N, C-alpha and C. Protein backbone atom coordinates (compact mmCIF):
# COMPACT_ATOMS: atom_id res chain seq x y z
N MET A 1 -75.67 29.64 41.78
CA MET A 1 -75.06 30.41 40.72
C MET A 1 -76.15 31.27 40.09
N LYS A 2 -75.80 32.51 39.81
CA LYS A 2 -76.71 33.44 39.15
C LYS A 2 -76.03 34.01 37.91
N VAL A 3 -76.80 34.13 36.85
CA VAL A 3 -76.30 34.76 35.63
C VAL A 3 -77.19 35.95 35.35
N LYS A 4 -76.57 37.11 35.20
CA LYS A 4 -77.30 38.34 34.90
C LYS A 4 -76.77 38.88 33.57
N TYR A 5 -77.70 39.32 32.73
CA TYR A 5 -77.31 39.91 31.45
C TYR A 5 -77.90 41.32 31.37
N PHE A 6 -77.05 42.27 31.00
CA PHE A 6 -77.43 43.67 30.89
C PHE A 6 -77.37 44.07 29.41
N PRO A 7 -78.54 44.08 28.72
CA PRO A 7 -78.53 44.34 27.28
C PRO A 7 -78.06 45.74 26.90
N ASP A 8 -78.25 46.73 27.79
CA ASP A 8 -77.84 48.08 27.43
C ASP A 8 -76.33 48.22 27.28
N THR A 9 -75.57 47.37 27.97
CA THR A 9 -74.11 47.41 27.85
C THR A 9 -73.54 46.12 27.26
N ASP A 10 -74.42 45.14 26.93
CA ASP A 10 -74.01 43.83 26.41
C ASP A 10 -72.98 43.20 27.35
N THR A 11 -73.34 43.21 28.64
CA THR A 11 -72.45 42.67 29.67
C THR A 11 -73.15 41.52 30.39
N ALA A 12 -72.41 40.45 30.62
CA ALA A 12 -72.91 39.31 31.38
C ALA A 12 -72.12 39.19 32.67
N HIS A 13 -72.82 38.88 33.76
CA HIS A 13 -72.14 38.67 35.04
C HIS A 13 -72.60 37.32 35.59
N VAL A 14 -71.64 36.46 35.90
CA VAL A 14 -71.91 35.17 36.48
C VAL A 14 -71.45 35.21 37.93
N GLU A 15 -72.38 34.99 38.85
CA GLU A 15 -72.05 34.98 40.27
C GLU A 15 -72.03 33.53 40.74
N PHE A 16 -70.85 33.07 41.16
CA PHE A 16 -70.69 31.69 41.59
C PHE A 16 -70.99 31.52 43.08
N LYS A 17 -70.60 32.51 43.87
CA LYS A 17 -70.80 32.48 45.32
C LYS A 17 -71.29 33.85 45.76
N ASP A 18 -71.98 33.88 46.89
CA ASP A 18 -72.46 35.13 47.45
C ASP A 18 -71.49 35.64 48.51
N ASN A 19 -70.20 35.64 48.19
CA ASN A 19 -69.16 36.13 49.09
C ASN A 19 -68.80 37.56 48.74
N ASP A 20 -68.22 38.26 49.70
CA ASP A 20 -67.73 39.62 49.43
C ASP A 20 -66.56 39.56 48.46
N VAL A 21 -66.54 40.48 47.52
CA VAL A 21 -65.45 40.56 46.55
C VAL A 21 -64.30 41.32 47.18
N HIS A 22 -63.15 40.68 47.21
CA HIS A 22 -61.93 41.30 47.74
C HIS A 22 -61.14 42.00 46.64
N GLU A 23 -61.14 41.39 45.46
CA GLU A 23 -60.35 41.93 44.35
C GLU A 23 -60.96 41.50 43.02
N THR A 24 -60.87 42.38 42.04
CA THR A 24 -61.27 42.06 40.67
C THR A 24 -60.01 42.06 39.81
N LYS A 25 -59.82 40.97 39.05
CA LYS A 25 -58.64 40.84 38.20
C LYS A 25 -59.06 40.82 36.74
N GLU A 26 -58.31 41.54 35.92
CA GLU A 26 -58.55 41.54 34.49
C GLU A 26 -57.86 40.33 33.88
N ILE A 27 -58.66 39.48 33.24
CA ILE A 27 -58.12 38.28 32.60
C ILE A 27 -57.74 38.59 31.15
N SER A 28 -58.59 39.36 30.49
CA SER A 28 -58.31 39.86 29.14
C SER A 28 -59.04 41.19 29.02
N GLU A 29 -59.00 41.77 27.84
CA GLU A 29 -59.57 43.10 27.64
C GLU A 29 -61.04 43.19 28.06
N ASN A 30 -61.80 42.11 27.93
CA ASN A 30 -63.24 42.14 28.20
C ASN A 30 -63.71 41.12 29.23
N ILE A 31 -62.78 40.48 29.93
CA ILE A 31 -63.15 39.46 30.91
C ILE A 31 -62.47 39.76 32.24
N TYR A 32 -63.28 39.78 33.29
CA TYR A 32 -62.79 40.07 34.64
C TYR A 32 -63.32 39.01 35.60
N ILE A 33 -62.50 38.66 36.59
CA ILE A 33 -62.95 37.73 37.62
C ILE A 33 -62.89 38.44 38.97
N ASP A 34 -63.85 38.09 39.82
CA ASP A 34 -63.90 38.58 41.19
C ASP A 34 -63.48 37.45 42.11
N ILE A 35 -62.60 37.77 43.06
CA ILE A 35 -62.16 36.77 44.04
C ILE A 35 -62.41 37.29 45.45
N ASP A 36 -62.56 36.36 46.38
CA ASP A 36 -62.77 36.75 47.77
C ASP A 36 -61.42 36.86 48.48
N ALA A 37 -61.43 37.13 49.76
CA ALA A 37 -60.20 37.35 50.53
C ALA A 37 -59.32 36.10 50.58
N LYS A 38 -59.89 34.92 50.37
CA LYS A 38 -59.12 33.67 50.39
C LYS A 38 -58.64 33.26 48.99
N GLY A 39 -58.96 34.08 47.98
CA GLY A 39 -58.53 33.77 46.62
C GLY A 39 -59.49 32.88 45.85
N ASN A 40 -60.68 32.64 46.40
CA ASN A 40 -61.68 31.81 45.72
C ASN A 40 -62.47 32.63 44.71
N LEU A 41 -62.83 31.99 43.62
CA LEU A 41 -63.60 32.63 42.57
C LEU A 41 -65.01 32.95 43.07
N VAL A 42 -65.42 34.20 42.94
CA VAL A 42 -66.75 34.65 43.35
C VAL A 42 -67.62 34.92 42.13
N GLY A 43 -67.06 35.57 41.11
CA GLY A 43 -67.85 35.90 39.94
C GLY A 43 -66.98 36.20 38.73
N MET A 44 -67.64 36.36 37.60
CA MET A 44 -66.95 36.67 36.35
C MET A 44 -67.82 37.63 35.55
N THR A 45 -67.19 38.65 34.98
CA THR A 45 -67.89 39.60 34.13
C THR A 45 -67.33 39.50 32.71
N ILE A 46 -68.24 39.45 31.74
CA ILE A 46 -67.87 39.39 30.34
C ILE A 46 -68.48 40.60 29.65
N GLU A 47 -67.64 41.51 29.19
CA GLU A 47 -68.12 42.66 28.44
C GLU A 47 -68.22 42.28 26.97
N HIS A 48 -69.13 42.93 26.24
CA HIS A 48 -69.41 42.59 24.84
C HIS A 48 -69.71 41.10 24.74
N ALA A 49 -70.61 40.66 25.61
CA ALA A 49 -70.88 39.23 25.81
C ALA A 49 -71.36 38.51 24.56
N LYS A 50 -72.20 39.14 23.78
CA LYS A 50 -72.71 38.45 22.58
C LYS A 50 -71.59 38.17 21.58
N ALA A 51 -70.65 39.08 21.46
CA ALA A 51 -69.54 38.89 20.52
C ALA A 51 -68.45 38.01 21.11
N ASN A 52 -68.13 38.20 22.40
CA ASN A 52 -67.01 37.49 23.01
C ASN A 52 -67.35 36.10 23.53
N ALA A 53 -68.59 35.88 23.89
CA ALA A 53 -68.94 34.60 24.49
C ALA A 53 -70.08 33.91 23.75
N ASP A 54 -70.42 34.41 22.57
CA ASP A 54 -71.53 33.83 21.81
C ASP A 54 -72.78 33.71 22.67
N LEU A 55 -73.06 34.75 23.43
CA LEU A 55 -74.15 34.72 24.39
C LEU A 55 -75.48 35.09 23.74
N TRP A 56 -75.85 34.38 22.72
CA TRP A 56 -77.14 34.58 22.08
C TRP A 56 -78.18 33.69 22.74
N GLU A 57 -77.72 32.58 23.28
CA GLU A 57 -78.60 31.64 23.95
C GLU A 57 -77.86 31.08 25.15
N PHE A 58 -78.58 30.92 26.23
CA PHE A 58 -77.97 30.38 27.44
C PHE A 58 -78.73 29.15 27.87
N SER A 59 -78.01 28.09 28.20
CA SER A 59 -78.65 26.89 28.73
C SER A 59 -77.78 26.33 29.84
N PHE A 60 -78.40 25.60 30.71
CA PHE A 60 -77.71 25.00 31.84
C PHE A 60 -78.03 23.52 31.84
N GLN A 61 -77.00 22.72 31.97
CA GLN A 61 -77.19 21.28 31.99
C GLN A 61 -76.32 20.69 33.08
N GLU A 62 -76.94 20.02 34.02
CA GLU A 62 -76.18 19.35 35.08
C GLU A 62 -75.89 17.93 34.62
N MET A 63 -74.62 17.56 34.63
CA MET A 63 -74.21 16.25 34.16
C MET A 63 -74.20 15.26 35.32
N ALA A 64 -74.67 14.08 35.08
CA ALA A 64 -74.70 13.04 36.10
C ALA A 64 -73.28 12.59 36.41
N HIS A 65 -73.03 12.31 37.66
CA HIS A 65 -71.72 11.82 38.07
C HIS A 65 -71.55 10.39 37.56
N GLN A 66 -70.41 10.15 36.91
CA GLN A 66 -70.18 8.82 36.37
C GLN A 66 -69.06 8.16 37.16
N THR A 67 -69.28 6.94 37.57
CA THR A 67 -68.27 6.19 38.31
C THR A 67 -67.54 5.26 37.36
N ALA A 68 -66.31 4.96 37.72
CA ALA A 68 -65.49 4.10 36.86
C ALA A 68 -65.80 2.66 37.04
C-alpha cells in the first residue's frame, strides 16, 4: 500500500494494489475509488484531504490477529 499526498492541491491518493485501473467511480463530491477490470479496489483519491479526512497526521498500525 502506498499513500501519496499532494500539498499543492490538498489531495491524498491511497494505492492498495499495483493493478491497472479500469474505472474510477465517484463516491462523493471529493472521494473517488479506482477499480480494476475484475471490480477489485485498486486505489482511492480524497480531494481537500485535510478538511475531509482530517489528514493532518498519518499513522499506520498493523493489528495482531486475535484468535477466539
